[in-house]
Amino acid sequence: MSLSLESNNSTEHEIEYPSDQINKTESQLPLLKEEFHKILDQQLKIVKEELKENFQKGLESQLHLINEELNECFTEIKEEIQQMAVKIQTNEN
């Protein structure tokens, strides 16, 4: 098998590839494909794990913010109840 290459000066170069080398390379393709898929699977697992960790950190951060807001609301409600209790006591007296 030969491959023609054209260079910038418009001359054509032919590269000869021996058939046995081509056959050997073609026979390795299934192994290379399998190895490639293994690497992709490993990378996919890593990415999934990182996404899961980042998502969990994001959720924890959001929960922390929500918790702070709820605490502020409860504090305000508690203060309002105490003020109402004081008003009720002063009205009773």
PDB file of N, CA and C in Angstrom:
ATOM      1  N   MET A   1       0.856  -1.171   0.000  1.00  0.00           N
ATOM      2  CA  MET A   1       0.000   0.000   0.000  1.00  0.00           C
ATOM      3  C   MET A   1       0.892   1.220   0.000  1.00  0.00           C
ATOM      4  N   SER A   2       0.449   2.274  -0.692  1.00  0.00           N
ATOM      5  CA  SER A   2       1.226   3.506  -0.718  1.00  0.00           C
ATOM      6  C   SER A   2       0.317   4.673  -0.384  1.00  0.00           C
ATOM      7  N   LEU A   3       0.935   5.706   0.096  1.00  0.00           N
ATOM      8  CA  LEU A   3       0.226   6.911   0.465  1.00  0.00           C
ATOM      9  C   LEU A   3       0.909   8.071  -0.228  1.00  0.00           C
ATOM     10  N   SER A   4       0.129   8.894  -0.886  1.00  0.00           N
ATOM     11  CA  SER A   4       0.702  10.047  -1.584  1.00  0.00           C
ATOM     12  C   SER A   4       0.555  11.279  -0.716  1.00  0.00           C
ATOM     13  N   LEU A   5       1.633  12.003  -0.600  1.00  0.00           N
ATOM     14  CA  LEU A   5       1.627  13.250   0.151  1.00  0.00           C
ATOM     15  C   LEU A   5       2.101  14.361  -0.755  1.00  0.00           C
ATOM     16  N   GLU A   6       1.447  15.489  -0.652  1.00  0.00           N
ATOM     17  CA  GLU A   6       1.850  16.630  -1.454  1.00  0.00           C
ATOM     18  C   GLU A   6       2.438  17.673  -0.531  1.00  0.00           C
ATOM     19  N   SER A   7       3.623  18.140  -0.823  1.00  0.00           N
ATOM     20  CA  SER A   7       4.255  19.145   0.015  1.00  0.00           C
ATOM     21  C   SER A   7       3.951  20.526  -0.529  1.00  0.00           C
ATOM     22  N   ASN A   8       4.465  21.527   0.146  1.00  0.00           N
ATOM     23  CA  ASN A   8       4.191  22.922  -0.234  1.00  0.00           C
ATOM     24  C   ASN A   8       4.723  23.269  -1.621  1.00  0.00           C
ATOM     25  N   ASN A   9       5.796  22.629  -2.016  1.00  0.00           N
ATOM     26  CA  ASN A   9       6.358  22.957  -3.333  1.00  0.00           C
ATOM     27  C   ASN A   9       5.728  22.114  -4.442  1.00  0.00           C
ATOM     28  N   SER A  10       4.561  21.557  -4.182  1.00  0.00           N
ATOM     29  CA  SER A  10       3.753  20.812  -5.155  1.00  0.00           C
ATOM     30  C   SER A  10       4.439  19.574  -5.713  1.00  0.00           C
ATOM     31  N   THR A  11       5.398  19.049  -5.028  1.00  0.00           N
ATOM     32  CA  THR A  11       5.965  17.763  -5.449  1.00  0.00           C
ATOM     33  C   THR A  11       5.266  16.674  -4.658  1.00  0.00           C
ATOM     34  N   GLU A  12       5.070  15.576  -5.295  1.00  0.00           N
ATOM     35  CA  GLU A  12       4.343  14.474  -4.666  1.00  0.00           C
ATOM     36  C   GLU A  12       5.349  13.457  -4.144  1.00  0.00           C
ATOM     37  N   HIS A  13       5.115  13.056  -2.902  1.00  0.00           N
ATOM     38  CA  HIS A  13       5.970  12.047  -2.277  1.00  0.00           C
ATOM     39  C   HIS A  13       5.127  10.817  -1.992  1.00  0.00           C
ATOM     40  N   GLU A  14       5.659   9.676  -2.296  1.00  0.00           N
ATOM     41  CA  GLU A  14       4.949   8.444  -1.978  1.00  0.00           C
ATOM     42  C   GLU A  14       5.666   7.733  -0.856  1.00  0.00           C
ATOM     43  N   ILE A  15       4.865   7.279   0.094  1.00  0.00           N
ATOM     44  CA  ILE A  15       5.416   6.512   1.211  1.00  0.00           C
ATOM     45  C   ILE A  15       4.880   5.098   1.074  1.00  0.00           C
ATOM     46  N   GLU A  16       5.743   4.170   1.081  1.00  0.00           N
ATOM     47  CA  GLU A  16       5.344   2.766   0.973  1.00  0.00           C
ATOM     48  C   GLU A  16       5.198   2.162   2.361  1.00  0.00           C
ATOM     49  N   TYR A  17       4.083   1.510   2.583  1.00  0.00           N
ATOM     50  CA  TYR A  17       3.850   0.790   3.819  1.00  0.00           C
ATOM     51  C   TYR A  17       3.781  -0.682   3.489  1.00  0.00           C
ATOM     52  N   PRO A  18       4.619  -1.475   4.115  1.00  0.00           N
ATOM     53  CA  PRO A  18       4.572  -2.914   3.849  1.00  0.00           C
ATOM     54  C   PRO A  18       3.245  -3.517   4.317  1.00  0.00           C
ATOM     55  N   SER A  19       2.717  -4.423   3.565  1.00  0.00           N
ATOM     56  CA  SER A  19       1.420  -5.051   3.863  1.00  0.00           C
ATOM     57  C   SER A  19       1.414  -5.709   5.227  1.00  0.00           C
ATOM     58  N   ASP A  20       2.500  -6.375   5.564  1.00  0.00           N
ATOM     59  CA  ASP A  20       2.518  -7.061   6.855  1.00  0.00           C
ATOM     60  C   ASP A  20       2.429  -6.064   8.016  1.00  0.00           C
ATOM     61  N   GLN A  21       3.007  -4.890   7.852  1.00  0.00           N
ATOM     62  CA  GLN A  21       2.912  -3.871   8.903  1.00  0.00           C
ATOM     63  C   GLN A  21       1.477  -3.371   9.002  1.00  0.00           C
ATOM     64  N   ILE A  22       0.829  -3.184   7.882  1.00  0.00           N
ATOM     65  CA  ILE A  22      -0.576  -2.745   7.882  1.00  0.00           C
ATOM     66  C   ILE A  22      -1.448  -3.805   8.524  1.00  0.00           C
ATOM     67  N   ASN A  23      -1.240  -5.058   8.179  1.00  0.00           N
ATOM     68  CA  ASN A  23      -2.027  -6.147   8.753  1.00  0.00           C
ATOM     69  C   ASN A  23      -1.813  -6.235  10.259  1.00  0.00           C
ATOM     70  N   LYS A  24      -0.566  -6.057  10.685  1.00  0.00           N
ATOM     71  CA  LYS A  24      -0.253  -6.106  12.114  1.00  0.00           C
ATOM     72  C   LYS A  24      -0.977  -4.969  12.839  1.00  0.00           C
ATOM     73  N   THR A  25      -0.940  -3.798  12.254  1.00  0.00           N
ATOM     74  CA  THR A  25      -1.606  -2.643  12.862  1.00  0.00           C
ATOM     75  C   THR A  25      -3.112  -2.873  12.908  1.00  0.00           C
ATOM     76  N   GLU A  26      -3.683  -3.368  11.841  1.00  0.00           N
ATOM     77  CA  GLU A  26      -5.124  -3.634  11.812  1.00  0.00           C
ATOM     78  C   GLU A  26      -5.508  -4.687  12.835  1.00  0.00           C
ATOM     79  N   SER A  27      -4.653  -5.670  13.039  1.00  0.00           N
ATOM     80  CA  SER A  27      -4.966  -6.706  14.025  1.00  0.00           C
ATOM     81  C   SER A  27      -4.929  -6.154  15.450  1.00  0.00           C
ATOM     82  N   GLN A  28      -4.197  -5.067  15.652  1.00  0.00           N
ATOM     83  CA  GLN A  28      -4.124  -4.460  16.986  1.00  0.00           C
ATOM     84  C   GLN A  28      -5.298  -3.519  17.264  1.00  0.00           C
ATOM     85  N   LEU A  29      -6.039  -3.173  16.243  1.00  0.00           N
ATOM     86  CA  LEU A  29      -7.139  -2.225  16.425  1.00  0.00           C
ATOM     87  C   LEU A  29      -8.154  -2.660  17.476  1.00  0.00           C
ATOM     88  N   PRO A  30      -8.614  -3.907  17.493  1.00  0.00           N
ATOM     89  CA  PRO A  30      -9.567  -4.293  18.550  1.00  0.00           C
ATOM     90  C   PRO A  30      -9.000  -4.120  19.963  1.00  0.00           C
ATOM     91  N   LEU A  31      -7.706  -4.454  20.119  1.00  0.00           N
ATOM     92  CA  LEU A  31      -7.085  -4.284  21.440  1.00  0.00           C
ATOM     93  C   LEU A  31      -6.971  -2.805  21.804  1.00  0.00           C
ATOM     94  N   LEU A  32      -6.602  -2.007  20.829  1.00  0.00           N
ATOM     95  CA  LEU A  32      -6.505  -0.569  21.071  1.00  0.00           C
ATOM     96  C   LEU A  32      -7.878   0.017  21.392  1.00  0.00           C
ATOM     97  N   LYS A  33      -8.887  -0.445  20.673  1.00  0.00           N
ATOM     98  CA  LYS A  33     -10.253   0.025  20.912  1.00  0.00           C
ATOM     99  C   LYS A  33     -10.692  -0.353  22.330  1.00  0.00           C
ATOM    100  N   GLU A  34     -10.400  -1.578  22.727  1.00  0.00           N
ATOM    101  CA  GLU A  34     -10.765  -2.040  24.070  1.00  0.00           C
ATOM    102  C   GLU A  34     -10.048  -1.210  25.139  1.00  0.00           C
ATOM    103  N   GLU A  35      -8.767  -0.972  24.929  1.00  0.00           N
ATOM    104  CA  GLU A  35      -7.989  -0.184  25.884  1.00  0.00           C
ATOM    105  C   GLU A  35      -8.517   1.253  25.945  1.00  0.00           C
ATOM    106  N   PHE A  36      -8.850   1.790  24.792  1.00  0.00           N
ATOM    107  CA  PHE A  36      -9.402   3.134  24.717  1.00  0.00           C
ATOM    108  C   PHE A  36     -10.707   3.218  25.510  1.00  0.00           C
ATOM    109  N   HIS A  37     -11.568   2.223  25.363  1.00  0.00           N
ATOM    110  CA  HIS A  37     -12.834   2.208  26.100  1.00  0.00           C
ATOM    111  C   HIS A  37     -12.608   2.064  27.604  1.00  0.00           C
ATOM    112  N   LYS A  38     -11.612   1.288  28.000  1.00  0.00           N
ATOM    113  CA  LYS A  38     -11.295   1.164  29.427  1.00  0.00           C
ATOM    114  C   LYS A  38     -10.878   2.513  29.995  1.00  0.00           C
ATOM    115  N   ILE A  39     -10.034   3.214  29.253  1.00  0.00           N
ATOM    116  CA  ILE A  39      -9.570   4.532  29.705  1.00  0.00           C
ATOM    117  C   ILE A  39     -10.741   5.500  29.783  1.00  0.00           C
ATOM    118  N   LEU A  40     -11.600   5.478  28.761  1.00  0.00           N
ATOM    119  CA  LEU A  40     -12.780   6.349  28.785  1.00  0.00           C
ATOM    120  C   LEU A  40     -13.680   6.039  29.972  1.00  0.00           C
ATOM    121  N   ASP A  41     -13.886   4.753  30.250  1.00  0.00           N
ATOM    122  CA  ASP A  41     -14.712   4.358  31.394  1.00  0.00           C
ATOM    123  C   ASP A  41     -14.118   4.856  32.709  1.00  0.00           C
ATOM    124  N   GLN A  42     -12.786   4.734  32.843  1.00  0.00           N
ATOM    125  CA  GLN A  42     -12.131   5.216  34.061  1.00  0.00           C
ATOM    126  C   GLN A  42     -12.301   6.720  34.209  1.00  0.00           C
ATOM    127  N   GLN A  43     -12.100   7.437  33.115  1.00  0.00           N
ATOM    128  CA  GLN A  43     -12.244   8.892  33.157  1.00  0.00           C
ATOM    129  C   GLN A  43     -13.684   9.280  33.473  1.00  0.00           C
ATOM    130  N   LEU A  44     -14.626   8.548  32.902  1.00  0.00           N
ATOM    131  CA  LEU A  44     -16.037   8.819  33.167  1.00  0.00           C
ATOM    132  C   LEU A  44     -16.366   8.616  34.641  1.00  0.00           C
ATOM    133  N   LYS A  45     -15.834   7.559  35.231  1.00  0.00           N
ATOM    134  CA  LYS A  45     -16.059   7.315  36.658  1.00  0.00           C
ATOM    135  C   LYS A  45     -15.491   8.452  37.499  1.00  0.00           C
ATOM    136  N   ILE A  46     -14.297   8.920  37.133  1.00  0.00           N
ATOM    137  CA  ILE A  46     -13.658  10.012  37.868  1.00  0.00           C
ATOM    138  C   ILE A  46     -14.505  11.279  37.765  1.00  0.00           C
ATOM    139  N   VAL A  47     -14.947  11.585  36.552  1.00  0.00           N
ATOM    140  CA  VAL A  47     -15.761  12.787  36.339  1.00  0.00           C
ATOM    141  C   VAL A  47     -17.078  12.684  37.103  1.00  0.00           C
ATOM    142  N   LYS A  48     -17.715  11.508  37.053  1.00  0.00           N
ATOM    143  CA  LYS A  48     -18.969  11.322  37.782  1.00  0.00           C
ATOM    144  C   LYS A  48     -18.762  11.537  39.275  1.00  0.00           C
ATOM    145  N   GLU A  49     -17.688  10.995  39.815  1.00  0.00           N
ATOM    146  CA  GLU A  49     -17.402  11.129  41.244  1.00  0.00           C
ATOM    147  C   GLU A  49     -17.149  12.595  41.608  1.00  0.00           C
ATOM    148  N   GLU A  50     -16.389  13.294  40.750  1.00  0.00           N
ATOM    149  CA  GLU A  50     -16.127  14.711  41.010  1.00  0.00           C
ATOM    150  C   GLU A  50     -17.419  15.525  40.950  1.00  0.00           C
ATOM    151  N   LEU A  51     -18.271  15.224  39.972  1.00  0.00           N
ATOM    152  CA  LEU A  51     -19.551  15.927  39.872  1.00  0.00           C
ATOM    153  C   LEU A  51     -20.411  15.667  41.105  1.00  0.00           C
ATOM    154  N   LYS A  52     -20.416  14.405  41.545  1.00  0.00           N
ATOM    155  CA  LYS A  52     -21.190  14.042  42.724  1.00  0.00           C
ATOM    156  C   LYS A  52     -20.693  14.803  43.953  1.00  0.00           C
ATOM    157  N   GLU A  53     -19.362  14.860  44.118  1.00  0.00           N
ATOM    158  CA  GLU A  53     -18.780  15.580  45.258  1.00  0.00           C
ATOM    159  C   GLU A  53     -19.095  17.067  45.183  1.00  0.00           C
ATOM    160  N   ASN A  54     -18.947  17.645  43.992  1.00  0.00           N
ATOM    161  CA  ASN A  54     -19.228  19.080  43.828  1.00  0.00           C
ATOM    162  C   ASN A  54     -20.708  19.381  44.073  1.00  0.00           C
ATOM    163  N   PHE A  55     -21.577  18.492  43.590  1.00  0.00           N
ATOM    164  CA  PHE A  55     -23.007  18.662  43.798  1.00  0.00           C
ATOM    165  C   PHE A  55     -23.325  18.604  45.282  1.00  0.00           C
ATOM    166  N   GLN A  56     -22.722  17.630  45.968  1.00  0.00           N
ATOM    167  CA  GLN A  56     -22.967  17.482  47.405  1.00  0.00           C
ATOM    168  C   GLN A  56     -22.456  18.706  48.161  1.00  0.00           C
ATOM    169  N   LYS A  57     -21.271  19.208  47.779  1.00  0.00           N
ATOM    170  CA  LYS A  57     -20.751  20.413  48.434  1.00  0.00           C
ATOM    171  C   LYS A  57     -21.680  21.594  48.190  1.00  0.00           C
ATOM    172  N   GLY A  58     -22.205  21.688  46.970  1.00  0.00           N
ATOM    173  CA  GLY A  58     -23.138  22.758  46.648  1.00  0.00           C
ATOM    174  C   GLY A  58     -24.408  22.660  47.478  1.00  0.00           C
ATOM    175  N   LEU A  59     -24.913  21.429  47.624  1.00  0.00           N
ATOM    176  CA  LEU A  59     -26.116  21.223  48.448  1.00  0.00           C
ATOM    177  C   LEU A  59     -25.850  21.593  49.899  1.00  0.00           C
ATOM    178  N   GLU A  60     -24.701  21.162  50.405  1.00  0.00           N
ATOM    179  CA  GLU A  60     -24.372  21.478  51.793  1.00  0.00           C
ATOM    180  C   GLU A  60     -24.275  22.987  51.997  1.00  0.00           C
ATOM    181  N   SER A  61     -23.702  23.670  51.017  1.00  0.00           N
ATOM    182  CA  SER A  61     -23.583  25.114  51.089  1.00  0.00           C
ATOM    183  C   SER A  61     -24.968  25.769  51.082  1.00  0.00           C
ATOM    184  N   GLN A  62     -25.837  25.296  50.208  1.00  0.00           N
ATOM    185  CA  GLN A  62     -27.199  25.833  50.134  1.00  0.00           C
ATOM    186  C   GLN A  62     -27.956  25.550  51.434  1.00  0.00           C
ATOM    187  N   LEU A  63     -27.806  24.337  51.964  1.00  0.00           N
ATOM    188  CA  LEU A  63     -28.477  24.003  53.224  1.00  0.00           C
ATOM    189  C   LEU A  63     -27.996  24.903  54.356  1.00  0.00           C
ATOM    190  N   HIS A  64     -26.712  25.190  54.356  1.00  0.00           N
ATOM    191  CA  HIS A  64     -26.159  26.076  55.392  1.00  0.00           C
ATOM    192  C   HIS A  64     -26.791  27.467  55.291  1.00  0.00           C
ATOM    193  N   LEU A  65     -26.901  27.983  54.057  1.00  0.00           N
ATOM    194  CA  LEU A  65     -27.509  29.299  53.867  1.00  0.00           C
ATOM    195  C   LEU A  65     -28.982  29.297  54.278  1.00  0.00           C
ATOM    196  N   ILE A  66     -29.697  28.242  53.896  1.00  0.00           N
ATOM    197  CA  ILE A  66     -31.111  28.121  54.268  1.00  0.00           C
ATOM    198  C   ILE A  66     -31.251  28.056  55.788  1.00  0.00           C
ATOM    199  N   ASN A  67     -30.375  27.291  56.416  1.00  0.00           N
ATOM    200  CA  ASN A  67     -30.406  27.166  57.879  1.00  0.00           C
ATOM    201  C   ASN A  67     -30.172  28.522  58.538  1.00  0.00           C
ATOM    202  N   GLU A  68     -29.225  29.294  58.020  1.00  0.00           N
ATOM    203  CA  GLU A  68     -28.976  30.624  58.579  1.00  0.00           C
ATOM    204  C   GLU A  68     -30.211  31.514  58.437  1.00  0.00           C
ATOM    205  N   GLU A  69     -30.841  31.467  57.251  1.00  0.00           N
ATOM    206  CA  GLU A  69     -32.042  32.278  57.032  1.00  0.00           C
ATOM    207  C   GLU A  69     -33.172  31.857  57.968  1.00  0.00           C
ATOM    208  N   LEU A  70     -33.352  30.541  58.138  1.00  0.00           N
ATOM    209  CA  LEU A  70     -34.393  30.056  59.053  1.00  0.00           C
ATOM    210  C   LEU A  70     -34.117  30.504  60.481  1.00  0.00           C
ATOM    211  N   ASN A  71     -32.857  30.430  60.889  1.00  0.00           N
ATOM    212  CA  ASN A  71     -32.508  30.883  62.244  1.00  0.00           C
ATOM    213  C   ASN A  71     -32.832  32.356  62.431  1.00  0.00           C
ATOM    214  N   GLU A  72     -32.539  33.166  61.400  1.00  0.00           N
ATOM    215  CA  GLU A  72     -32.868  34.589  61.483  1.00  0.00           C
ATOM    216  C   GLU A  72     -34.383  34.791  61.594  1.00  0.00           C
ATOM    217  N   CYS A  73     -35.141  34.044  60.797  1.00  0.00           N
ATOM    218  CA  CYS A  73     -36.609  34.143  60.839  1.00  0.00           C
ATOM    219  C   CYS A  73     -37.133  33.749  62.213  1.00  0.00           C
ATOM    220  N   PHE A  74     -36.635  32.645  62.754  1.00  0.00           N
ATOM    221  CA  PHE A  74     -37.084  32.195  64.070  1.00  0.00           C
ATOM    222  C   PHE A  74     -36.732  33.217  65.143  1.00  0.00           C
ATOM    223  N   THR A  75     -35.573  33.827  65.014  1.00  0.00           N
ATOM    224  CA  THR A  75     -35.178  34.860  65.985  1.00  0.00           C
ATOM    225  C   THR A  75     -36.134  36.037  65.912  1.00  0.00           C
ATOM    226  N   GLU A  76     -36.454  36.464  64.682  1.00  0.00           N
ATOM    227  CA  GLU A  76     -37.399  37.576  64.522  1.00  0.00           C
ATOM    228  C   GLU A  76     -38.771  37.217  65.079  1.00  0.00           C
ATOM    229  N   ILE A  77     -39.235  36.009  64.801  1.00  0.00           N
ATOM    230  CA  ILE A  77     -40.540  35.561  65.307  1.00  0.00           C
ATOM    231  C   ILE A  77     -40.533  35.520  66.832  1.00  0.00           C
ATOM    232  N   LYS A  78     -39.455  35.006  67.396  1.00  0.00           N
ATOM    233  CA  LYS A  78     -39.320  34.923  68.854  1.00  0.00           C
ATOM    234  C   LYS A  78     -39.366  36.325  69.466  1.00  0.00           C
ATOM    235  N   GLU A  79     -38.670  37.279  68.853  1.00  0.00           N
ATOM    236  CA  GLU A  79     -38.662  38.653  69.360  1.00  0.00           C
ATOM    237  C   GLU A  79     -40.059  39.264  69.268  1.00  0.00           C
ATOM    238  N   GLU A  80     -40.754  39.003  68.155  1.00  0.00           N
ATOM    239  CA  GLU A  80     -42.117  39.532  68.001  1.00  0.00           C
ATOM    240  C   GLU A  80     -43.059  38.932  69.034  1.00  0.00           C
ATOM    241  N   ILE A  81     -42.924  37.643  69.305  1.00  0.00           N
ATOM    242  CA  ILE A  81     -43.770  36.982  70.314  1.00  0.00           C
ATOM    243  C   ILE A  81     -43.493  37.578  71.695  1.00  0.00           C
ATOM    244  N   GLN A  82     -42.208  37.812  71.988  1.00  0.00           N
ATOM    245  CA  GLN A  82     -41.861  38.400  73.284  1.00  0.00           C
ATOM    246  C   GLN A  82     -42.440  39.809  73.417  1.00  0.00           C
ATOM    247  N   GLN A  83     -42.377  40.583  72.323  1.00  0.00           N
ATOM    248  CA  GLN A  83     -42.946  41.935  72.349  1.00  0.00           C
ATOM    249  C   GLN A  83     -44.462  41.884  72.560  1.00  0.00           C
ATOM    250  N   MET A  84     -45.109  40.922  71.885  1.00  0.00           N
ATOM    251  CA  MET A  84     -46.569  40.764  72.044  1.00  0.00           C
ATOM    252  C   MET A  84     -46.897  40.358  73.472  1.00  0.00           C
ATOM    253  N   ALA A  85     -46.068  39.477  74.042  1.00  0.00           N
ATOM    254  CA  ALA A  85     -46.304  39.036  75.425  1.00  0.00           C
ATOM    255  C   ALA A  85     -46.176  40.205  76.380  1.00  0.00           C
ATOM    256  N   VAL A  86     -45.205  41.067  76.148  1.00  0.00           N
ATOM    257  CA  VAL A  86     -45.021  42.242  77.003  1.00  0.00           C
ATOM    258  C   VAL A  86     -46.233  43.157  76.885  1.00  0.00           C
ATOM    259  N   LYS A  87     -46.726  43.366  75.662  1.00  0.00           N
ATOM    260  CA  LYS A  87     -47.907  44.219  75.455  1.00  0.00           C
ATOM    261  C   LYS A  87     -49.125  43.634  76.159  1.00  0.00           C
ATOM    262  N   ILE A  88     -49.289  42.325  76.052  1.00  0.00           N
ATOM    263  CA  ILE A  88     -50.436  41.664  76.698  1.00  0.00           C
ATOM    264  C   ILE A  88     -50.345  41.829  78.206  1.00  0.00           C
ATOM    265  N   GLN A  89     -49.152  41.624  78.775  1.00  0.00           N
ATOM    266  CA  GLN A  89     -48.983  41.764  80.217  1.00  0.00           C
ATOM    267  C   GLN A  89     -49.245  43.186  80.676  1.00  0.00           C
ATOM    268  N   THR A  90     -48.776  44.154  79.905  1.00  0.00           N
ATOM    269  CA  THR A  90     -48.998  45.543  80.313  1.00  0.00           C
ATOM    270  C   THR A  90     -50.468  45.924  80.193  1.00  0.00           C
ATOM    271  N   ASN A  91     -51.176  45.334  79.225  1.00  0.00           N
ATOM    272  CA  ASN A  91     -52.609  45.608  79.085  1.00  0.00           C
ATOM    273  C   ASN A  91     -53.406  44.955  80.200  1.00  0.00           C
ATOM    274  N   GLU A  92     -52.946  43.818  80.703  1.00  0.00           N
ATOM    275  CA  GLU A  92     -53.653  43.123  81.781  1.00  0.00           C
ATOM    276  C   GLU A  92     -53.455  43.839  83.102  1.00  0.00           C
ATOM    277  N   ASN A  93     -52.327  44.473  83.227  1.00  0.00           N
ATOM    278  CA  ASN A  93     -52.054  45.147  84.507  1.00  0.00           C
ATOM    279  C   ASN A  93     -52.694  46.478  84.481  1.00  0.00           C
TER     280      ASN A  93
END
